[in-house]
């Protein structure tokens, strides 16, 4: 239960085309690509159920029938009180636009997750922190270390003032996990595609509070966006499957 007493609710975004992960996604929607013996979306569902989320919405579009078929007789639906409903996109609506189709069926606070991430984030704790904050939106973030494999020239008016070989950069990036207050949905337009960055800008322009929830350094997170990232997620799961899989049917 959330602080308001409603069942913990999460929306999993599973409607994208997954073009960066081709050719896998020619026959599978990206959230159904396997990590070990489970589709990555199944791992998320198991983690959410273990964290006390009993109401899940799947936002589906591309190859939606495969997602629906996979979860139709999922063991958690028989072994627990887990409820699964669908938000069906008939055209791509972006990472925020599909939420308007669920309308007032969503509770006052809920999570939204990309369906193609592998992580061990404490979903329940993040939602509770969001509820306590009173923010309109909270974005889970993770430190990202990048090394530019080139020499960088520093210059002024054409004169070289310095040279840095393969500089390292540190960023704080979105993990594709969001905690929403329902009032944030009021800033999503009634039609057309609409992405999360656009929503963030609208909220800020309206004076709403948007927070970031920085993951602990020990937190594992993989965004399965391309073949290299997918391979890294596979290796992380092979190294420590119990880190990601709760003890559920």
Protein backbone atom coordinates (compact mmCIF):
# COMPACT_ATOMS: atom_id res chain seq x y z
CA UNK A 1 0.00 0.00 0.00
CA UNK A 2 1.09 3.59 -0.61
CA UNK A 3 0.94 6.29 2.00
CA UNK A 4 -2.60 7.05 0.83
CA UNK A 5 -3.70 3.45 1.39
CA UNK A 6 -4.15 2.59 -2.30
CA UNK A 7 -2.58 -0.58 -3.72
CA UNK A 8 0.94 -0.02 -4.99
CA UNK A 9 0.65 0.53 -8.72
CA UNK A 10 3.20 0.59 -11.54
CA UNK A 11 3.02 1.17 -15.28
CA UNK A 12 5.54 -0.67 -17.45
CA UNK A 13 6.22 0.98 -20.81
CA UNK A 14 6.42 -1.81 -23.37
CA UNK A 15 5.21 -0.21 -26.59
CA UNK A 16 8.41 0.96 -28.28
CA UNK A 17 9.84 -0.40 -31.53
CA UNK A 18 13.27 -1.18 -30.06
CA UNK A 19 15.05 -0.32 -33.32
CA UNK A 20 18.48 0.05 -31.65
CA UNK A 21 18.33 -3.59 -30.58
CA UNK A 22 17.59 -4.97 -34.05
CA UNK A 23 17.54 -7.70 -35.27
CA UNK A 24 16.26 -9.18 -31.96
CA UNK A 25 13.26 -6.86 -31.95
CA UNK A 26 12.11 -7.91 -35.42
CA UNK A 27 10.35 -10.87 -33.79
CA UNK A 28 10.18 -9.84 -30.11
CA UNK A 29 9.14 -6.59 -28.48
CA UNK A 30 12.23 -5.37 -26.64
CA UNK A 31 10.79 -5.99 -23.14
CA UNK A 32 10.52 -9.71 -24.01
CA UNK A 33 14.17 -10.21 -24.96
CA UNK A 34 15.63 -12.78 -22.55
CA UNK A 35 17.96 -12.13 -19.65
CA UNK A 36 19.02 -15.59 -18.56
CA UNK A 37 15.86 -17.71 -18.63
CA UNK A 38 13.41 -14.80 -18.27
CA UNK A 39 12.33 -11.89 -20.46
CA UNK A 40 13.60 -8.68 -18.90
CA UNK A 41 10.02 -7.47 -18.40
CA UNK A 42 9.21 -10.65 -16.47
CA UNK A 43 12.09 -9.89 -14.10
CA UNK A 44 10.63 -6.42 -13.52
CA UNK A 45 7.18 -7.88 -12.85
CA UNK A 46 8.60 -10.34 -10.32
CA UNK A 47 10.56 -7.57 -8.58
CA UNK A 48 7.50 -5.32 -8.42
CA UNK A 49 5.34 -8.11 -7.01
CA UNK A 50 7.96 -8.89 -4.37
CA UNK A 51 8.00 -5.17 -3.46
CA UNK A 52 4.26 -5.19 -2.79
CA UNK A 53 2.99 -3.81 -6.10
CA UNK A 54 -0.30 -5.62 -6.75
CA UNK A 55 -1.65 -3.52 -9.62
CA UNK A 56 0.32 -3.37 -12.89
CA UNK A 57 -0.46 -1.64 -16.15
CA UNK A 58 1.38 -2.59 -19.33
CA UNK A 59 1.52 0.12 -22.00
CA UNK A 60 1.82 -1.87 -25.22
CA UNK A 61 1.96 -1.18 -28.93
CA UNK A 62 4.55 -2.91 -31.13
CA UNK A 63 3.93 -6.69 -31.07
CA UNK A 64 1.52 -6.18 -28.17
CA UNK A 65 -0.08 -9.57 -28.71
CA UNK A 66 3.17 -11.30 -27.72
CA UNK A 67 3.34 -9.43 -24.42
CA UNK A 68 -0.30 -10.26 -23.70
CA UNK A 69 0.20 -13.93 -24.59
CA UNK A 70 3.28 -14.24 -22.39
CA UNK A 71 1.61 -12.82 -19.29
CA UNK A 72 -1.84 -14.37 -19.85
CA UNK A 73 -1.15 -17.35 -17.58
CA UNK A 74 1.80 -16.00 -15.64
CA UNK A 75 2.27 -17.96 -12.38
CA UNK A 76 2.11 -14.81 -10.26
CA UNK A 77 -1.45 -14.16 -11.41
CA UNK A 78 -2.56 -17.45 -9.90
CA UNK A 79 -0.25 -17.46 -6.86
CA UNK A 80 -0.88 -13.89 -5.65
CA UNK A 81 -3.32 -11.01 -5.87
CA UNK A 82 -1.41 -9.47 -8.78
CA UNK A 83 -3.67 -7.68 -11.28
CA UNK A 84 -2.50 -6.82 -14.79
CA UNK A 85 -4.29 -4.43 -17.15
CA UNK A 86 -3.30 -2.99 -20.51
CA UNK A 87 -2.94 0.45 -22.02
CA UNK A 88 -3.10 -0.18 -25.78
CA UNK A 89 -1.39 2.30 -28.07
CA UNK A 90 -2.80 2.28 -31.60
CA UNK A 91 -0.07 4.73 -32.59
CA UNK A 92 3.23 5.53 -30.86
CA UNK A 93 2.47 7.92 -28.00
CA UNK A 94 5.91 8.38 -26.47
CA UNK A 95 7.22 7.76 -22.98
CA UNK A 96 4.54 9.89 -21.29
CA UNK A 97 1.68 10.17 -23.80
CA UNK A 98 0.25 6.70 -23.22
CA UNK A 99 -0.44 7.48 -19.55
CA UNK A 100 -3.38 9.69 -20.47
CA UNK A 101 -5.19 6.57 -21.76
CA UNK A 102 -5.32 5.21 -18.21
CA UNK A 103 -6.80 8.48 -16.97
CA UNK A 104 -8.29 8.52 -13.49
CA UNK A 105 -7.85 4.75 -13.13
CA UNK A 106 -4.36 5.45 -11.83
CA UNK A 107 -3.95 6.22 -8.11
CA UNK A 108 -2.66 9.44 -6.58
CA UNK A 109 0.92 8.14 -6.75
CA UNK A 110 2.42 5.41 -8.91
CA UNK A 111 5.62 4.26 -10.61
CA UNK A 112 6.35 4.24 -14.33
CA UNK A 113 9.18 2.06 -15.64
CA UNK A 114 10.74 1.45 -19.02
CA UNK A 115 10.20 -2.22 -19.79
CA UNK A 116 13.77 -2.80 -20.99
CA UNK A 117 15.90 -2.18 -17.90
CA UNK A 118 17.68 -4.57 -15.55
CA UNK A 119 18.16 -3.16 -12.07
CA UNK A 120 17.94 -3.94 -8.36
CA UNK A 121 16.39 -0.60 -7.35
CA UNK A 122 14.10 -0.72 -4.30
CA UNK A 123 10.89 0.28 -6.10
CA UNK A 124 8.74 0.50 -2.97
CA UNK A 125 11.19 2.76 -1.17
CA UNK A 126 11.41 5.10 -4.16
CA UNK A 127 7.63 5.43 -4.35
CA UNK A 128 7.37 6.15 -0.63
CA UNK A 129 10.06 8.83 -0.84
CA UNK A 130 8.15 10.43 -3.69
CA UNK A 131 4.87 10.40 -1.77
CA UNK A 132 6.54 11.97 1.27
CA UNK A 133 8.12 14.71 -0.87
CA UNK A 134 4.87 15.98 -2.39
CA UNK A 135 6.61 16.41 -5.77
CA UNK A 136 4.74 16.12 -9.05
CA UNK A 137 7.42 13.83 -10.49
CA UNK A 138 10.53 12.05 -9.25
CA UNK A 139 13.15 10.70 -11.66
CA UNK A 140 15.45 7.87 -10.57
CA UNK A 141 19.02 8.69 -11.53
CA UNK A 142 22.34 6.89 -11.67
CA UNK A 143 25.94 8.02 -12.02
CA UNK A 144 27.35 7.36 -15.49
CA UNK A 145 31.07 7.42 -16.29
CA UNK A 146 31.96 8.08 -19.93
CA UNK A 147 35.37 8.15 -21.57
CA UNK A 148 35.66 9.98 -24.87
CA UNK A 149 38.07 7.86 -26.99
CA UNK A 150 39.60 10.92 -28.67
CA UNK A 151 41.99 13.71 -27.97
CA UNK A 152 40.14 16.93 -27.15
CA UNK A 153 41.61 20.24 -28.29
CA UNK A 154 41.16 23.29 -26.12
CA UNK A 155 41.45 26.51 -28.11
CA UNK A 156 40.81 30.23 -28.18
CA UNK A 157 40.50 32.08 -31.50
CA UNK A 158 42.21 29.21 -33.28
CA UNK A 159 45.22 29.01 -30.94
CA UNK A 160 45.56 25.73 -29.09
CA UNK A 161 45.54 26.35 -25.35
CA UNK A 162 45.48 22.75 -24.18
CA UNK A 163 45.09 19.14 -25.20
CA UNK A 164 43.31 16.45 -23.19
CA UNK A 165 43.72 12.85 -24.27
CA UNK A 166 40.62 10.67 -23.81
CA UNK A 167 38.91 12.76 -21.14
CA UNK A 168 36.58 11.15 -18.63
CA UNK A 169 33.18 12.67 -17.97
CA UNK A 170 30.72 12.07 -15.14
CA UNK A 171 26.98 12.49 -15.63
CA UNK A 172 23.84 11.82 -13.64
CA UNK A 173 21.44 10.08 -16.01
CA UNK A 174 17.81 9.00 -15.93
CA UNK A 175 17.31 5.31 -15.18
CA UNK A 176 13.94 5.10 -16.93
CA UNK A 177 12.14 4.80 -13.58
CA UNK A 178 9.72 7.54 -12.54
CA UNK A 179 7.40 8.19 -9.61
CA UNK A 180 4.35 10.23 -10.59
CA UNK A 181 1.77 12.14 -8.66
CA UNK A 182 -1.46 11.97 -10.64
CA UNK A 183 -1.63 15.74 -11.05
CA UNK A 184 1.39 15.46 -13.38
CA UNK A 185 -0.92 13.83 -15.93
CA UNK A 186 -2.75 17.15 -16.31
CA UNK A 187 0.27 18.45 -18.23
CA UNK A 188 0.12 15.70 -20.88
CA UNK A 189 -1.72 16.87 -24.04
CA UNK A 190 -4.89 15.07 -25.06
CA UNK A 191 -3.55 13.77 -28.38
CA UNK A 192 -0.33 12.96 -30.18
CA UNK A 193 3.01 11.61 -28.97
CA UNK A 194 4.53 13.13 -25.85
CA UNK A 195 7.80 12.16 -24.21
CA UNK A 196 9.04 12.37 -20.64
CA UNK A 197 11.52 15.23 -21.30
CA UNK A 198 8.66 17.35 -22.65
CA UNK A 199 6.64 16.62 -19.52
CA UNK A 200 9.56 17.64 -17.30
CA UNK A 201 9.81 20.98 -19.10
CA UNK A 202 6.07 21.61 -18.79
CA UNK A 203 6.11 20.82 -15.08
CA UNK A 204 9.05 23.12 -14.44
CA UNK A 205 7.48 25.93 -16.46
CA UNK A 206 4.32 25.57 -14.35
CA UNK A 207 6.30 25.85 -11.12
CA UNK A 208 5.77 22.21 -10.15
CA UNK A 209 8.42 20.34 -8.16
CA UNK A 210 10.43 17.69 -10.03
CA UNK A 211 12.92 15.74 -7.94
CA UNK A 212 15.65 13.30 -8.72
CA UNK A 213 16.20 10.14 -6.67
CA UNK A 214 19.91 9.29 -6.92
CA UNK A 215 20.61 5.58 -6.67
CA UNK A 216 23.20 4.33 -4.24
CA UNK A 217 26.59 3.56 -5.76
CA UNK A 218 26.00 -0.14 -5.08
CA UNK A 219 22.82 -0.15 -7.17
CA UNK A 220 22.99 -2.15 -10.39
CA UNK A 221 21.37 -0.73 -13.52
CA UNK A 222 21.49 -1.68 -17.18
CA UNK A 223 19.53 0.02 -19.96
CA UNK A 224 19.17 -2.57 -22.72
CA UNK A 225 19.36 -0.02 -25.51
CA UNK A 226 21.79 -1.65 -27.93
CA UNK A 227 23.64 -4.96 -28.41
CA UNK A 228 26.59 -3.93 -26.21
CA UNK A 229 24.32 -2.88 -23.35
CA UNK A 230 22.31 -6.07 -23.77
CA UNK A 231 25.48 -8.16 -23.52
CA UNK A 232 26.51 -6.29 -20.35
CA UNK A 233 23.10 -6.95 -18.78
CA UNK A 234 23.34 -10.63 -19.65
CA UNK A 235 26.75 -10.86 -18.01
CA UNK A 236 25.57 -9.04 -14.89
CA UNK A 237 22.66 -11.46 -14.55
CA UNK A 238 24.90 -14.50 -15.06
CA UNK A 239 27.29 -13.22 -12.39
CA UNK A 240 24.58 -12.72 -9.73
CA UNK A 241 21.06 -13.88 -10.71
CA UNK A 242 19.85 -13.76 -7.10
CA UNK A 243 20.52 -10.02 -7.13
CA UNK A 244 17.68 -9.54 -9.59
CA UNK A 245 15.31 -12.45 -9.03
CA UNK A 246 13.15 -12.53 -5.90
CA UNK A 247 12.04 -15.87 -4.52
CA UNK A 248 8.69 -16.08 -6.31
CA UNK A 249 6.89 -18.70 -8.45
